[in-house]
Amino acid sequence: MTKRFWIAALAATLGLATLAVAQGPRRNFAGPGGPGGPGAHRGGVGQIEALKTYLGLTDTQVSTLRQVRTDAMEQAKPNMKENAQKARDLRAEMSKSNPDPNIVGRLMTEMKQTREETRAAQTQIREKSLAVLTDPQKAKLKGLEEAAALQDAVRQARMTGLLSMPEPGEGDTRPMMKGRGFRR
């Protein structure tokens, strides 16, 4: 076999290995439709077992919450694409040696308007989701909101050694940051 063949084979092998490594580890989190289905990513709507248990959600409530979230994501896609394009246009304009202030101002104003529309849509999503809950579930949710407000204080207390770090698999399941002794 020729040297050229072996170089091409090595290049192809390295290319495939690079693609495989770039994809990262396969996560087998179950979402709607089973492992790897929609909502299967970590933190996605498919992963709400702890919330279901804590609030005592029924399967119907969980299904409704998932549908509200799915509908919201579908509704948000056009705005997200539009804002991404405007951000690219803004970067392109700002990279010019003499950006046009009218174009920059227009793009920034349009992006701000889209963000405000997105916030309003998020408020509607929250209201639809809250409407699914019973009054006792809403009271329990209030406790989660109060606990969430303490997350920074808990993290800082762990960093200073006032609170112990959770064992792997309990609490925060994110991996330790390389080279540092705390979780981010």
C-alpha atoms as a PDB file:
ATOM      1  CA  MET A   1       0.000   0.000   0.000  1.00  0.00           C
ATOM      2  CA  THR A   2       1.211   3.464  -0.734  1.00  0.00           C
ATOM      3  CA  LYS A   3       2.209   6.138   1.671  1.00  0.00           C
ATOM      4  CA  ARG A   4      -0.569   8.354   0.301  1.00  0.00           C
ATOM      5  CA  PHE A   5      -3.196   5.709   1.175  1.00  0.00           C
ATOM      6  CA  TRP A   6      -1.977   5.427   4.778  1.00  0.00           C
ATOM      7  CA  ILE A   7      -1.942   9.195   5.232  1.00  0.00           C
ATOM      8  CA  ALA A   8      -5.519   9.419   3.909  1.00  0.00           C
ATOM      9  CA  ALA A   9      -6.627   6.550   6.168  1.00  0.00           C
ATOM     10  CA  LEU A  10      -4.989   8.196   9.210  1.00  0.00           C
ATOM     11  CA  ALA A  11      -6.604  11.541   8.371  1.00  0.00           C
ATOM     12  CA  ALA A  12     -10.035   9.915   8.024  1.00  0.00           C
ATOM     13  CA  THR A  13      -9.606   8.058  11.320  1.00  0.00           C
ATOM     14  CA  LEU A  14      -8.528  11.225  13.129  1.00  0.00           C
ATOM     15  CA  GLY A  15     -11.447  13.116  11.597  1.00  0.00           C
ATOM     16  CA  LEU A  16     -13.971  10.523  12.789  1.00  0.00           C
ATOM     17  CA  ALA A  17     -12.384  10.397  16.246  1.00  0.00           C
ATOM     18  CA  THR A  18     -12.554  14.185  16.491  1.00  0.00           C
ATOM     19  CA  LEU A  19     -16.250  14.147  15.590  1.00  0.00           C
ATOM     20  CA  ALA A  20     -16.954  11.419  18.157  1.00  0.00           C
ATOM     21  CA  VAL A  21     -15.130  13.292  20.924  1.00  0.00           C
ATOM     22  CA  ALA A  22     -16.795  16.597  20.006  1.00  0.00           C
ATOM     23  CA  GLN A  23     -20.224  15.054  20.555  1.00  0.00           C
ATOM     24  CA  GLY A  24     -19.363  14.312  24.178  1.00  0.00           C
ATOM     25  CA  PRO A  25     -20.678  11.436  26.253  1.00  0.00           C
ATOM     26  CA  ARG A  26     -24.096  10.057  25.424  1.00  0.00           C
ATOM     27  CA  ARG A  27     -26.522  10.830  28.183  1.00  0.00           C
ATOM     28  CA  ASN A  28     -29.313   8.369  28.664  1.00  0.00           C
ATOM     29  CA  PHE A  29     -31.832  10.584  30.412  1.00  0.00           C
ATOM     30  CA  ALA A  30     -35.408   9.579  29.844  1.00  0.00           C
ATOM     31  CA  GLY A  31     -37.778  12.204  28.565  1.00  0.00           C
ATOM     32  CA  PRO A  32     -41.109  12.011  26.821  1.00  0.00           C
ATOM     33  CA  GLY A  33     -40.789   9.229  24.320  1.00  0.00           C
ATOM     34  CA  GLY A  34     -38.126   7.380  26.307  1.00  0.00           C
ATOM     35  CA  PRO A  35     -34.372   7.820  26.546  1.00  0.00           C
ATOM     36  CA  GLY A  36     -33.086  10.422  24.168  1.00  0.00           C
ATOM     37  CA  GLY A  37     -36.578  11.687  23.354  1.00  0.00           C
ATOM     38  CA  PRO A  38     -37.713  15.323  23.473  1.00  0.00           C
ATOM     39  CA  GLY A  39     -37.167  16.852  26.880  1.00  0.00           C
ATOM     40  CA  ALA A  40     -34.616  14.165  27.736  1.00  0.00           C
ATOM     41  CA  HIS A  41     -31.754  16.550  28.380  1.00  0.00           C
ATOM     42  CA  ARG A  42     -30.615  17.215  31.909  1.00  0.00           C
ATOM     43  CA  GLY A  43     -32.793  19.827  33.537  1.00  0.00           C
ATOM     44  CA  GLY A  44     -35.410  19.522  30.803  1.00  0.00           C
ATOM     45  CA  VAL A  45     -39.094  19.102  31.303  1.00  0.00           C
ATOM     46  CA  GLY A  46     -38.616  15.337  31.082  1.00  0.00           C
ATOM     47  CA  GLN A  47     -36.734  15.451  34.375  1.00  0.00           C
ATOM     48  CA  ILE A  48     -39.336  16.554  36.896  1.00  0.00           C
ATOM     49  CA  GLU A  49     -39.642  13.517  39.128  1.00  0.00           C
ATOM     50  CA  ALA A  50     -38.382  15.384  42.218  1.00  0.00           C
ATOM     51  CA  LEU A  51     -40.844  18.212  41.569  1.00  0.00           C
ATOM     52  CA  LYS A  52     -43.643  15.727  40.933  1.00  0.00           C
ATOM     53  CA  THR A  53     -42.917  14.047  44.261  1.00  0.00           C
ATOM     54  CA  TYR A  54     -42.461  17.291  46.221  1.00  0.00           C
ATOM     55  CA  LEU A  55     -45.636  18.958  44.949  1.00  0.00           C
ATOM     56  CA  GLY A  56     -47.642  15.742  44.627  1.00  0.00           C
ATOM     57  CA  LEU A  57     -48.347  16.334  40.947  1.00  0.00           C
ATOM     58  CA  THR A  58     -50.621  13.949  39.116  1.00  0.00           C
ATOM     59  CA  ASP A  59     -49.637  12.440  35.775  1.00  0.00           C
ATOM     60  CA  THR A  60     -52.246  14.680  34.133  1.00  0.00           C
ATOM     61  CA  GLN A  61     -50.683  17.781  35.708  1.00  0.00           C
ATOM     62  CA  VAL A  62     -47.215  16.709  34.591  1.00  0.00           C
ATOM     63  CA  SER A  63     -48.490  16.103  31.066  1.00  0.00           C
ATOM     64  CA  THR A  64     -50.175  19.516  31.001  1.00  0.00           C
ATOM     65  CA  LEU A  65     -47.031  21.256  32.300  1.00  0.00           C
ATOM     66  CA  ARG A  66     -44.949  19.539  29.631  1.00  0.00           C
ATOM     67  CA  GLN A  67     -47.412  20.569  26.925  1.00  0.00           C
ATOM     68  CA  VAL A  68     -47.441  24.197  28.107  1.00  0.00           C
ATOM     69  CA  ARG A  69     -43.638  24.241  27.968  1.00  0.00           C
ATOM     70  CA  THR A  70     -43.503  22.558  24.551  1.00  0.00           C
ATOM     71  CA  ASP A  71     -46.051  25.011  23.135  1.00  0.00           C
ATOM     72  CA  ALA A  72     -44.104  27.919  24.604  1.00  0.00           C
ATOM     73  CA  MET A  73     -40.853  26.738  23.038  1.00  0.00           C
ATOM     74  CA  GLU A  74     -42.509  26.393  19.637  1.00  0.00           C
ATOM     75  CA  GLN A  75     -44.001  29.853  19.992  1.00  0.00           C
ATOM     76  CA  ALA A  76     -40.628  31.354  21.004  1.00  0.00           C
ATOM     77  CA  LYS A  77     -38.620  29.898  18.103  1.00  0.00           C
ATOM     78  CA  PRO A  78     -39.387  32.680  15.589  1.00  0.00           C
ATOM     79  CA  ASN A  79     -38.409  35.396  18.086  1.00  0.00           C
ATOM     80  CA  MET A  80     -35.218  33.537  18.998  1.00  0.00           C
ATOM     81  CA  LYS A  81     -34.251  33.185  15.318  1.00  0.00           C
ATOM     82  CA  GLU A  82     -35.102  36.809  14.646  1.00  0.00           C
ATOM     83  CA  ASN A  83     -33.032  38.052  17.579  1.00  0.00           C
ATOM     84  CA  ALA A  84     -30.111  35.816  16.608  1.00  0.00           C
ATOM     85  CA  GLN A  85     -30.128  37.302  13.118  1.00  0.00           C
ATOM     86  CA  LYS A  86     -30.327  40.833  14.509  1.00  0.00           C
ATOM     87  CA  ALA A  87     -27.414  40.075  16.835  1.00  0.00           C
ATOM     88  CA  ARG A  88     -25.355  38.866  13.852  1.00  0.00           C
ATOM     89  CA  ASP A  89     -26.321  41.992  11.921  1.00  0.00           C
ATOM     90  CA  LEU A  90     -25.355  44.160  14.906  1.00  0.00           C
ATOM     91  CA  ARG A  91     -21.964  42.421  15.248  1.00  0.00           C
ATOM     92  CA  ALA A  92     -21.347  42.865  11.535  1.00  0.00           C
ATOM     93  CA  GLU A  93     -22.232  46.548  11.704  1.00  0.00           C
ATOM     94  CA  MET A  94     -20.105  47.109  14.810  1.00  0.00           C
ATOM     95  CA  SER A  95     -17.120  45.364  13.189  1.00  0.00           C
ATOM     96  CA  LYS A  96     -17.039  48.033  10.493  1.00  0.00           C
ATOM     97  CA  SER A  97     -14.504  50.804  10.900  1.00  0.00           C
ATOM     98  CA  ASN A  98     -17.328  53.365  10.866  1.00  0.00           C
ATOM     99  CA  PRO A  99     -20.617  51.754  12.067  1.00  0.00           C
ATOM    100  CA  ASP A 100     -23.840  53.518  11.101  1.00  0.00           C
ATOM    101  CA  PRO A 101     -25.399  54.749  14.361  1.00  0.00           C
ATOM    102  CA  ASN A 102     -28.881  54.600  12.836  1.00  0.00           C
ATOM    103  CA  ILE A 103     -28.542  50.912  12.003  1.00  0.00           C
ATOM    104  CA  VAL A 104     -26.987  50.138  15.395  1.00  0.00           C
ATOM    105  CA  GLY A 105     -29.747  52.017  17.223  1.00  0.00           C
ATOM    106  CA  ARG A 106     -32.503  50.400  15.178  1.00  0.00           C
ATOM    107  CA  LEU A 107     -31.151  46.893  15.738  1.00  0.00           C
ATOM    108  CA  MET A 108     -30.690  47.435  19.455  1.00  0.00           C
ATOM    109  CA  THR A 109     -34.203  48.854  19.799  1.00  0.00           C
ATOM    110  CA  GLU A 110     -35.721  45.957  17.844  1.00  0.00           C
ATOM    111  CA  MET A 111     -33.801  43.425  19.955  1.00  0.00           C
ATOM    112  CA  LYS A 112     -35.019  45.122  23.137  1.00  0.00           C
ATOM    113  CA  GLN A 113     -38.620  44.950  21.907  1.00  0.00           C
ATOM    114  CA  THR A 114     -38.250  41.254  21.126  1.00  0.00           C
ATOM    115  CA  ARG A 115     -36.823  40.610  24.614  1.00  0.00           C
ATOM    116  CA  GLU A 116     -39.798  42.430  26.150  1.00  0.00           C
ATOM    117  CA  GLU A 117     -42.181  40.290  24.081  1.00  0.00           C
ATOM    118  CA  THR A 118     -40.328  37.202  25.296  1.00  0.00           C
ATOM    119  CA  ARG A 119     -40.663  38.320  28.944  1.00  0.00           C
ATOM    120  CA  ALA A 120     -44.398  38.848  28.447  1.00  0.00           C
ATOM    121  CA  ALA A 121     -44.681  35.368  26.916  1.00  0.00           C
ATOM    122  CA  GLN A 122     -42.766  33.911  29.882  1.00  0.00           C
ATOM    123  CA  THR A 123     -45.242  35.552  32.239  1.00  0.00           C
ATOM    124  CA  GLN A 124     -48.110  33.932  30.323  1.00  0.00           C
ATOM    125  CA  ILE A 125     -46.356  30.554  30.487  1.00  0.00           C
ATOM    126  CA  ARG A 126     -45.935  30.896  34.242  1.00  0.00           C
ATOM    127  CA  GLU A 127     -49.593  31.843  34.657  1.00  0.00           C
ATOM    128  CA  LYS A 128     -50.710  28.844  32.563  1.00  0.00           C
ATOM    129  CA  SER A 129     -48.434  26.552  34.551  1.00  0.00           C
ATOM    130  CA  LEU A 130     -49.636  27.917  37.902  1.00  0.00           C
ATOM    131  CA  ALA A 131     -53.236  27.396  36.804  1.00  0.00           C
ATOM    132  CA  VAL A 132     -52.509  23.648  36.659  1.00  0.00           C
ATOM    133  CA  LEU A 133     -51.659  23.527  40.384  1.00  0.00           C
ATOM    134  CA  THR A 134     -54.027  23.170  43.316  1.00  0.00           C
ATOM    135  CA  ASP A 135     -53.893  25.674  46.194  1.00  0.00           C
ATOM    136  CA  PRO A 136     -51.880  23.316  48.471  1.00  0.00           C
ATOM    137  CA  GLN A 137     -49.415  22.741  45.599  1.00  0.00           C
ATOM    138  CA  LYS A 138     -49.089  26.501  45.098  1.00  0.00           C
ATOM    139  CA  ALA A 139     -48.285  26.881  48.807  1.00  0.00           C
ATOM    140  CA  LYS A 140     -45.546  24.253  48.510  1.00  0.00           C
ATOM    141  CA  LEU A 141     -44.229  26.009  45.411  1.00  0.00           C
ATOM    142  CA  LYS A 142     -43.894  29.178  47.473  1.00  0.00           C
ATOM    143  CA  GLY A 143     -41.497  27.242  49.708  1.00  0.00           C
ATOM    144  CA  LEU A 144     -39.401  26.369  46.647  1.00  0.00           C
ATOM    145  CA  GLU A 145     -39.299  30.036  45.635  1.00  0.00           C
ATOM    146  CA  GLU A 146     -38.050  30.957  49.108  1.00  0.00           C
ATOM    147  CA  ALA A 147     -35.422  28.200  48.984  1.00  0.00           C
ATOM    148  CA  ALA A 148     -34.284  29.327  45.524  1.00  0.00           C
ATOM    149  CA  ALA A 149     -33.657  32.804  46.909  1.00  0.00           C
ATOM    150  CA  LEU A 150     -31.117  31.235  49.294  1.00  0.00           C
ATOM    151  CA  GLN A 151     -29.072  29.428  46.622  1.00  0.00           C
ATOM    152  CA  ASP A 152     -26.299  32.041  46.529  1.00  0.00           C
ATOM    153  CA  ALA A 153     -26.034  32.058  50.314  1.00  0.00           C
ATOM    154  CA  VAL A 154     -25.845  28.240  50.415  1.00  0.00           C
ATOM    155  CA  ARG A 155     -23.174  28.188  47.691  1.00  0.00           C
ATOM    156  CA  GLN A 156     -21.132  30.822  49.509  1.00  0.00           C
ATOM    157  CA  ALA A 157     -21.499  29.010  52.833  1.00  0.00           C
ATOM    158  CA  ARG A 158     -20.176  25.850  51.160  1.00  0.00           C
ATOM    159  CA  MET A 159     -17.270  27.737  49.620  1.00  0.00           C
ATOM    160  CA  THR A 160     -16.265  29.147  53.004  1.00  0.00           C
ATOM    161  CA  GLY A 161     -16.608  25.770  54.718  1.00  0.00           C
ATOM    162  CA  LEU A 162     -19.629  26.711  56.840  1.00  0.00           C
ATOM    163  CA  LEU A 163     -21.706  24.048  55.086  1.00  0.00           C
ATOM    164  CA  SER A 164     -20.359  20.755  53.817  1.00  0.00           C
ATOM    165  CA  MET A 165     -20.362  19.973  50.133  1.00  0.00           C
ATOM    166  CA  PRO A 166     -23.017  17.481  49.013  1.00  0.00           C
ATOM    167  CA  GLU A 167     -21.821  13.978  48.271  1.00  0.00           C
ATOM    168  CA  PRO A 168     -21.782  13.077  44.592  1.00  0.00           C
ATOM    169  CA  GLY A 169     -25.269  12.034  43.583  1.00  0.00           C
ATOM    170  CA  GLU A 170     -27.115  14.112  46.167  1.00  0.00           C
ATOM    171  CA  GLY A 171     -28.109  17.741  45.835  1.00  0.00           C
ATOM    172  CA  ASP A 172     -26.020  19.320  43.114  1.00  0.00           C
ATOM    173  CA  THR A 173     -25.223  16.645  40.519  1.00  0.00           C
ATOM    174  CA  ARG A 174     -23.009  18.813  38.367  1.00  0.00           C
ATOM    175  CA  PRO A 175     -19.397  17.675  38.138  1.00  0.00           C
ATOM    176  CA  MET A 176     -16.687  19.379  40.129  1.00  0.00           C
ATOM    177  CA  MET A 177     -14.954  22.116  38.202  1.00  0.00           C
ATOM    178  CA  LYS A 178     -11.488  21.011  37.103  1.00  0.00           C
ATOM    179  CA  GLY A 179      -8.748  22.502  39.192  1.00  0.00           C
ATOM    180  CA  ARG A 180     -11.102  23.926  41.781  1.00  0.00           C
ATOM    181  CA  GLY A 181     -12.499  22.496  44.965  1.00  0.00           C
ATOM    182  CA  PHE A 182     -16.038  23.792  44.587  1.00  0.00           C
ATOM    183  CA  ARG A 183     -19.038  23.372  42.368  1.00  0.00           C
ATOM    184  CA  ARG A 184     -20.225  26.141  40.168  1.00  0.00           C
END
